[in-house]
Structures are given as structure tokens and as C-alpha cells.
Amino acid sequence: MSRVIENDPNVIGSIAAWQNILNGCGYLPGLVITGEMDNATIGTTKNFQEDVGLSQTGEVTLETWRAGLKHAKLPGWSNVTPSIQPLNTIVLSGTGRAMQWFKKQFGLEVHRSIRGTPFTIDLLTAISMQETGYIWINLYEDLPVAELLKLCVGDTLDAPNRNAFPKDKAELLAETNGDAMFSIAREALESIAPHNSDYRSAARNPDKFCRGFGIFQYDLQFFRVNPKYFLEKRWYNFNDCLEQCVQELESALKKVYGSGKSTLSDEEMVYVTIAYNRGSVNFSKKFKQGYKDRSGKFYGEYIWEYLQLAKSIP
């Protein structure tokens, strides 16, 4: 096969070349070289345009093309345009395979639950990946679904790193049925610890316990208004987790856009999900909102990337 290099700053190259350039610039998740201006490519193009100070149109203008050529590339990147991968022969990444499993395993329940809402299975897939994917991506091929769901727990942060109830063990124990809840939350931490090094460290402290429960992470701050979910370990059941997630998304939707909105763009879904995560949204901050991880990346940025990847997976 002959080498094809498209690096003329005066001529916009092929879509495949542009997808390769974006991958070289380090945008994650990496784009599949489809040769088509699909949703994932449009979304990543908008992110690139924002980062270099261009209008976020999602279109590869000459100005965008030139900026891509000039942008620093990852070590080992090649400017040889890769061969196009037909959709039916694409080999999915580990994250892609996990998302495909989620869709196949829970797709029917999700479609039933979101009927009549502006939410999509791709959004629910993205949320599950962001909230607990770091846990179940390593377990779904080996464990029965019922066992996997039990292990979808997390968040052991105490005050001063947590402001919501319960800030610490003492505050939980002071609540009605708090002693029973602490036992359950502590048991949850001990169950996930063998599968995750961070939780193994937390489990060594007898005062530590989990606050997030379920594949979509229903937070223990809601124990006061919905104690049965936690005390009856309803996160063991996917439909119960899904019901709570959709209810929270609908509440976030009203906060962000009011009542009566029946459709959402991808960008609007991300803003709703940011409100779902942090209780509110600030449009001026775009996707740099919600929980920020150790790398400095925000919850909203992850949701956008996972949403685009989910949309590319049947």
C-alpha cells in the first residue's frame, strides 16, 4: 500500500487524515478512522476548536486544518493517513467493548425507562462508565451480573473533602438507623477493596465507609429521604439503580432548562448531567464542571467523551 501524507496547509485533507491528526493531538477516547464526519469526530473537532481559540462549529475549515497541522503531536505519531476501517470490522477498545456489553446487557431496561424523556441509552451508558466504569470494566467478563452490581460502590471521602451528609462516621451514626447504615456502607467498602487498591487502603481505616451505591452511584446524602434504597440494598438490582438515575436526571433537566423540553442536543445532555453530578451548572464554564480528578479533568469533559464514544457503538 502506498504511503499517503496529507500535510498541505493550503488544502484541507481527507476526513481520515483529520481523524488521524486529532488522535495525534492526544484527544481521548481516540477516534476510529472511519473516513466519515461522524458524531465522535464532530465532537472532538469542537473540543479542538475550543482549545485553540476557534469558533466551535465542528466543521473542518481551512483555519481548523492549519491549526491541526501545527498542533504538537504525541510521541510516535505518524502523518501517514491510516486505512479506513469499515464499521463492521472495527476492533473496539477496552472501553468500547465494555460499553457494548453494557448496551447489550441492559439495553432493553434502559429503553423502557427513558421512554418519554429526552435521554438516550448512549447518555446512560456514558454516565455508568464515568460513575463506576473503573470498577466494572475489569469485572464484567468474569463475574455474573448480580455479583458485579453488588460491587458498584465507592466514594469514601470524609470532611473536609465532603460537604454533603454524611460528612463522617459520627454524623451517620447520629441519624435514625445510622448504625445499620454504617454497617452496610462499611461492608460495601470491604467488598470492593479486594478489587481496587485505593479502596484497599481506605478499608484499613475502621471509620471509612462508602457513600456511592449502584452502577450510576446514588449518593448516601439521600439516605434521609430514601432510606429504603440503602438499607434494603436496592443497588443490587439494576432497575432500581436505573429508576433513581432517571429521576435524578429529570430533576436536573428541570433545574437547567425548565419544564417541557422534549429534546436535547449532545451538549445539552452534558449540561444536564453536570447538574446531575453537582446540583447546578454554569454555562460559562462549558464542560469544565463537576468532579475534577487527579489529572485535572472534569466530570463534564469525561461525559462528553464517553457520550461520543457510546454513540459510535451499536
Protein backbone atom coordinates (compact mmCIF):
# COMPACT_ATOMS: atom_id res chain seq x y z
CA MET A 1 0.00 0.00 0.00
CA SER A 2 1.36 3.40 -0.94
CA ARG A 3 2.03 5.98 1.77
CA VAL A 4 -0.45 8.86 1.76
CA ILE A 5 0.63 12.03 3.55
CA GLU A 6 -1.80 14.94 3.65
CA ASN A 7 0.02 17.89 5.18
CA ASP A 8 -0.61 20.76 2.77
CA PRO A 9 -1.62 23.84 4.84
CA ASN A 10 -3.44 25.29 1.83
CA VAL A 11 -5.63 22.29 1.06
CA ILE A 12 -7.98 20.59 3.51
CA GLY A 13 -7.18 16.88 3.53
CA SER A 14 -9.45 13.89 3.84
CA ILE A 15 -11.65 13.16 6.86
CA ALA A 16 -9.47 10.14 7.64
CA ALA A 17 -6.40 12.42 7.71
CA TRP A 18 -8.22 14.82 10.03
CA GLN A 19 -9.23 11.97 12.37
CA ASN A 20 -5.58 10.89 12.46
CA ILE A 21 -4.47 14.46 13.26
CA LEU A 22 -6.94 14.70 16.18
CA ASN A 23 -5.68 11.40 17.52
CA GLY A 24 -2.13 12.70 17.22
CA CYS A 25 -3.11 15.78 19.22
CA GLY A 26 -3.98 13.48 22.11
CA TYR A 27 -7.76 13.72 22.28
CA LEU A 28 -9.39 10.81 24.10
CA PRO A 29 -11.07 8.49 23.53
CA GLY A 30 -9.21 8.07 20.25
CA LEU A 31 -11.24 8.31 17.07
CA VAL A 32 -11.80 5.29 14.89
CA ILE A 33 -10.57 6.09 11.37
CA THR A 34 -13.92 5.78 9.60
CA GLY A 35 -13.36 8.42 6.92
CA GLU A 36 -16.74 9.86 7.88
CA MET A 37 -17.62 13.06 9.73
CA ASP A 38 -19.43 11.10 12.42
CA ASN A 39 -20.68 12.42 15.77
CA ALA A 40 -17.49 11.47 17.58
CA THR A 41 -15.34 13.33 15.03
CA ILE A 42 -17.58 16.42 15.09
CA GLY A 43 -17.49 16.47 18.89
CA THR A 44 -13.72 16.11 19.08
CA THR A 45 -13.33 18.79 16.39
CA LYS A 46 -15.38 21.18 18.54
CA ASN A 47 -13.17 20.42 21.53
CA PHE A 48 -10.07 21.09 19.44
CA GLN A 49 -11.50 24.34 18.10
CA GLU A 50 -12.29 25.49 21.63
CA ASP A 51 -8.78 24.65 22.83
CA VAL A 52 -7.09 26.62 20.02
CA GLY A 53 -9.46 29.59 20.20
CA LEU A 54 -11.52 28.97 17.06
CA SER A 55 -15.27 29.10 16.59
CA GLN A 56 -16.76 25.76 17.70
CA THR A 57 -18.57 24.75 14.53
CA GLY A 58 -17.44 21.15 14.31
CA GLU A 59 -16.55 21.78 10.67
CA VAL A 60 -13.01 21.35 9.35
CA THR A 61 -12.37 24.78 7.90
CA LEU A 62 -9.01 25.69 6.39
CA GLU A 63 -8.18 27.58 9.58
CA THR A 64 -9.01 24.50 11.66
CA TRP A 65 -7.00 22.26 9.34
CA ARG A 66 -3.94 24.51 9.60
CA ALA A 67 -4.24 24.63 13.40
CA GLY A 68 -4.35 20.84 13.47
CA LEU A 69 -1.22 20.54 11.36
CA LYS A 70 0.65 22.97 13.64
CA HIS A 71 -0.51 21.42 16.92
CA ALA A 72 2.01 19.40 18.94
CA LYS A 73 1.62 15.66 18.41
CA LEU A 74 2.03 12.64 20.64
CA PRO A 75 5.40 10.84 20.51
CA GLY A 76 5.46 8.24 17.77
CA TRP A 77 2.54 9.75 15.83
CA SER A 78 2.72 9.28 12.07
CA ASN A 79 1.37 11.70 9.48
CA VAL A 80 0.68 8.79 7.15
CA THR A 81 -3.09 8.67 6.75
CA PRO A 82 -4.27 5.30 8.14
CA SER A 83 -6.51 2.97 6.19
CA ILE A 84 -10.22 3.44 6.75
CA GLN A 85 -11.84 0.84 8.99
CA PRO A 86 -15.32 -0.21 7.83
CA LEU A 87 -17.75 -0.13 10.74
CA ASN A 88 -18.34 -3.87 10.58
CA THR A 89 -14.64 -4.61 11.04
CA ILE A 90 -13.79 -2.08 13.75
CA VAL A 91 -11.97 -3.55 16.73
CA LEU A 92 -13.25 -1.79 19.82
CA SER A 93 -11.02 -0.53 22.60
CA GLY A 94 -11.37 -1.94 26.11
CA THR A 95 -13.70 0.92 26.99
CA GLY A 96 -15.64 0.41 23.77
CA ARG A 97 -16.10 -3.30 24.45
CA ALA A 98 -17.27 -2.53 27.98
CA MET A 99 -19.79 -0.01 26.66
CA GLN A 100 -21.01 -2.52 24.09
CA TRP A 101 -21.52 -5.06 26.89
CA PHE A 102 -23.49 -2.51 28.92
CA LYS A 103 -25.78 -1.75 25.98
CA LYS A 104 -26.42 -5.41 25.23
CA GLN A 105 -26.87 -6.39 28.87
CA PHE A 106 -29.14 -3.53 29.96
CA GLY A 107 -30.41 -2.01 26.72
CA LEU A 108 -34.00 -3.26 27.00
CA GLU A 109 -34.43 -1.96 30.55
CA VAL A 110 -32.85 1.39 29.67
CA HIS A 111 -35.05 1.94 26.62
CA ARG A 112 -38.15 1.21 28.69
CA SER A 113 -37.08 3.57 31.45
CA ILE A 114 -36.19 6.55 29.24
CA ARG A 115 -39.30 6.32 27.04
CA GLY A 116 -40.96 9.75 27.04
CA THR A 117 -37.77 11.51 28.16
CA PRO A 118 -35.12 13.32 26.08
CA PHE A 119 -32.43 10.98 27.40
CA THR A 120 -30.72 8.26 25.35
CA ILE A 121 -29.12 4.93 26.00
CA ASP A 122 -25.82 6.49 24.95
CA LEU A 123 -26.12 9.03 27.76
CA LEU A 124 -26.93 6.36 30.34
CA THR A 125 -24.00 4.31 29.05
CA ALA A 126 -21.71 7.33 29.41
CA ILE A 127 -22.90 8.00 32.96
CA SER A 128 -22.39 4.40 34.03
CA MET A 129 -18.90 4.44 32.56
CA GLN A 130 -17.99 7.69 34.30
CA GLU A 131 -19.51 6.76 37.66
CA THR A 132 -18.42 3.13 38.11
CA GLY A 133 -16.80 2.01 34.86
CA TYR A 134 -13.42 2.00 36.58
CA ILE A 135 -14.83 -0.83 38.71
CA TRP A 136 -16.94 -2.95 36.39
CA ILE A 137 -14.74 -2.68 33.29
CA ASN A 138 -12.39 -5.16 35.00
CA LEU A 139 -15.16 -7.45 36.24
CA TYR A 140 -17.89 -7.80 33.63
CA GLU A 141 -16.17 -10.61 31.71
CA ASP A 142 -15.59 -12.72 34.82
CA LEU A 143 -18.47 -12.15 37.24
CA PRO A 144 -22.22 -12.80 36.97
CA VAL A 145 -24.17 -9.57 36.57
CA ALA A 146 -25.75 -9.93 40.01
CA GLU A 147 -22.31 -10.07 41.67
CA LEU A 148 -20.98 -7.21 39.59
CA LEU A 149 -23.86 -4.93 40.60
CA LYS A 150 -23.19 -5.55 44.29
CA LEU A 151 -19.65 -4.26 43.81
CA CYS A 152 -20.68 -0.97 42.17
CA VAL A 153 -19.99 1.09 45.28
CA GLY A 154 -17.50 3.82 46.08
CA ASP A 155 -16.68 7.31 47.34
CA THR A 156 -15.08 7.20 50.79
CA LEU A 157 -14.25 10.90 51.09
CA ASP A 158 -14.78 12.44 54.54
CA ALA A 159 -14.85 16.07 55.66
CA PRO A 160 -13.15 18.40 54.88
CA ASN A 161 -13.26 16.90 51.38
CA ARG A 162 -17.00 16.29 51.64
CA ASN A 163 -19.68 18.86 52.49
CA ALA A 164 -22.82 16.76 51.98
CA PHE A 165 -24.32 14.42 54.58
CA PRO A 166 -22.81 12.26 55.97
CA LYS A 167 -19.55 14.10 56.37
CA ASP A 168 -18.13 11.40 58.63
CA LYS A 169 -18.98 8.29 60.62
CA ALA A 170 -20.25 10.26 63.63
CA GLU A 171 -22.78 12.19 61.53
CA LEU A 172 -24.12 8.98 60.00
CA LEU A 173 -24.39 7.19 63.35
CA ALA A 174 -26.39 10.12 64.77
CA GLU A 175 -29.11 9.58 62.13
CA THR A 176 -32.09 7.27 62.59
CA ASN A 177 -30.94 3.77 61.53
CA GLY A 178 -27.48 5.24 61.12
CA ASP A 179 -25.80 2.32 62.86
CA ALA A 180 -27.39 -0.14 60.42
CA MET A 181 -26.47 2.06 57.50
CA PHE A 182 -22.87 2.36 58.65
CA SER A 183 -22.62 -1.45 58.84
CA ILE A 184 -23.93 -1.75 55.29
CA ALA A 185 -21.68 1.02 53.97
CA ARG A 186 -18.68 -0.46 55.73
CA GLU A 187 -19.49 -3.92 54.34
CA ALA A 188 -19.68 -2.38 50.86
CA LEU A 189 -16.19 -0.92 51.25
CA GLU A 190 -14.80 -4.23 52.40
CA SER A 191 -16.43 -5.99 49.44
CA ILE A 192 -14.88 -3.71 46.82
CA ALA A 193 -11.47 -3.40 48.50
CA PRO A 194 -10.05 -6.67 47.09
CA HIS A 195 -10.76 -5.38 43.57
CA ASN A 196 -9.34 -1.84 43.89
CA SER A 197 -6.11 -0.66 45.51
CA ASP A 198 -7.48 2.75 46.56
CA TYR A 199 -10.32 1.09 48.44
CA ARG A 200 -7.95 -1.43 50.00
CA SER A 201 -6.13 1.49 51.56
CA ALA A 202 -9.38 3.09 52.76
CA ALA A 203 -10.61 -0.18 54.24
CA ARG A 204 -7.67 -0.27 56.65
CA ASN A 205 -9.29 2.68 58.45
CA PRO A 206 -12.23 1.33 60.51
CA ASP A 207 -14.06 4.67 60.29
CA LYS A 208 -14.17 4.69 56.49
CA PHE A 209 -17.28 3.66 54.54
CA CYS A 210 -18.85 4.02 51.09
CA ARG A 211 -21.24 6.80 50.11
CA GLY A 212 -21.99 5.93 46.47
CA PHE A 213 -24.22 2.94 45.72
CA GLY A 214 -25.19 1.45 42.39
CA ILE A 215 -23.88 1.38 38.85
CA PHE A 216 -24.97 5.04 38.45
CA GLN A 217 -23.85 5.95 42.02
CA TYR A 218 -26.85 7.08 44.07
CA ASP A 219 -25.29 9.14 46.86
CA LEU A 220 -25.77 8.46 50.55
CA GLN A 221 -26.76 12.10 51.06
CA PHE A 222 -30.24 10.90 50.02
CA PHE A 223 -30.42 8.44 52.93
CA ARG A 224 -32.65 10.87 54.86
CA VAL A 225 -35.28 10.98 52.11
CA ASN A 226 -34.92 7.50 50.63
CA PRO A 227 -33.52 5.21 53.36
CA LYS A 228 -35.03 2.02 51.91
CA TYR A 229 -32.83 2.18 48.82
CA PHE A 230 -29.76 1.90 51.01
CA LEU A 231 -30.99 -0.22 53.92
CA GLU A 232 -32.57 -2.77 51.57
CA LYS A 233 -29.51 -2.77 49.32
CA ARG A 234 -31.58 -1.94 46.27
CA TRP A 235 -28.47 -1.10 44.27
CA TYR A 236 -28.14 -4.87 43.85
CA ASN A 237 -30.98 -4.55 41.31
CA PHE A 238 -30.24 -2.76 38.03
CA ASN A 239 -33.80 -1.49 37.55
CA ASP A 240 -33.77 0.17 40.98
CA CYS A 241 -30.47 1.86 40.12
CA LEU A 242 -31.85 2.94 36.76
CA GLU A 243 -35.02 4.35 38.28
CA GLN A 244 -33.05 6.56 40.67
CA CYS A 245 -30.73 7.72 37.90
CA VAL A 246 -33.55 8.72 35.54
CA GLN A 247 -35.38 10.51 38.36
CA GLU A 248 -32.25 12.50 39.20
CA LEU A 249 -31.68 13.32 35.52
CA GLU A 250 -35.26 14.55 35.20
CA SER A 251 -34.79 16.74 38.27
CA ALA A 252 -31.53 18.10 36.84
CA LEU A 253 -33.25 18.74 33.49
CA LYS A 254 -35.84 20.97 35.16
CA LYS A 255 -33.13 22.86 37.04
CA VAL A 256 -31.15 23.54 33.89
CA TYR A 257 -33.80 24.03 31.18
CA GLY A 258 -37.17 24.18 32.98
CA SER A 259 -40.21 22.06 32.16
CA GLY A 260 -41.40 20.95 28.74
CA LYS A 261 -38.08 20.34 26.99
CA SER A 262 -38.60 17.18 24.94
CA THR A 263 -35.31 17.01 23.01
CA LEU A 264 -31.69 17.59 23.95
CA SER A 265 -28.57 18.05 21.87
CA ASP A 266 -25.41 16.26 22.93
CA GLU A 267 -24.11 19.46 24.50
CA GLU A 268 -27.36 19.97 26.41
CA MET A 269 -27.27 16.40 27.70
CA VAL A 270 -23.80 17.04 29.10
CA TYR A 271 -25.01 20.18 30.90
CA VAL A 272 -27.91 18.23 32.41
CA THR A 273 -25.50 15.52 33.54
CA ILE A 274 -23.20 18.11 35.13
CA ALA A 275 -26.20 19.32 37.16
CA TYR A 276 -26.94 15.69 37.99
CA ASN A 277 -23.41 15.40 39.35
CA ARG A 278 -23.00 18.70 41.20
CA GLY A 279 -26.54 20.08 41.62
CA SER A 280 -26.20 23.03 39.23
CA VAL A 281 -24.47 24.15 36.05
CA ASN A 282 -22.61 27.27 34.95
CA PHE A 283 -22.77 27.60 31.18
CA SER A 284 -19.81 29.98 31.09
CA LYS A 285 -17.54 27.17 32.29
CA LYS A 286 -18.70 24.88 29.48
CA PHE A 287 -17.77 21.25 30.26
CA LYS A 288 -15.12 22.09 32.85
CA GLN A 289 -17.50 21.40 35.72
CA GLY A 290 -18.37 18.68 38.18
CA TYR A 291 -15.90 16.41 39.91
CA LYS A 292 -12.28 17.05 38.89
CA ASP A 293 -9.93 14.07 39.04
CA ARG A 294 -6.24 13.95 39.83
CA SER A 295 -5.32 14.67 36.22
CA GLY A 296 -7.29 17.93 36.30
CA LYS A 297 -10.03 16.66 34.00
CA PHE A 298 -13.64 17.46 34.84
CA TYR A 299 -16.73 15.27 35.07
CA GLY A 300 -18.38 17.16 32.20
CA GLU A 301 -15.41 16.60 29.91
CA TYR A 302 -15.49 12.87 30.58
CA ILE A 303 -19.23 12.66 29.98
CA TRP A 304 -18.83 14.38 26.61
CA GLU A 305 -16.10 11.99 25.50
CA TYR A 306 -17.90 8.89 26.74
CA LEU A 307 -21.13 10.06 25.11
CA GLN A 308 -19.43 10.44 21.74
CA LEU A 309 -17.82 7.03 22.05
CA ALA A 310 -21.10 5.41 23.11
CA LYS A 311 -22.84 6.85 20.04
CA SER A 312 -20.33 5.12 17.78
CA ILE A 313 -21.01 1.70 19.31
CA PRO A 314 -24.00 -0.35 18.12
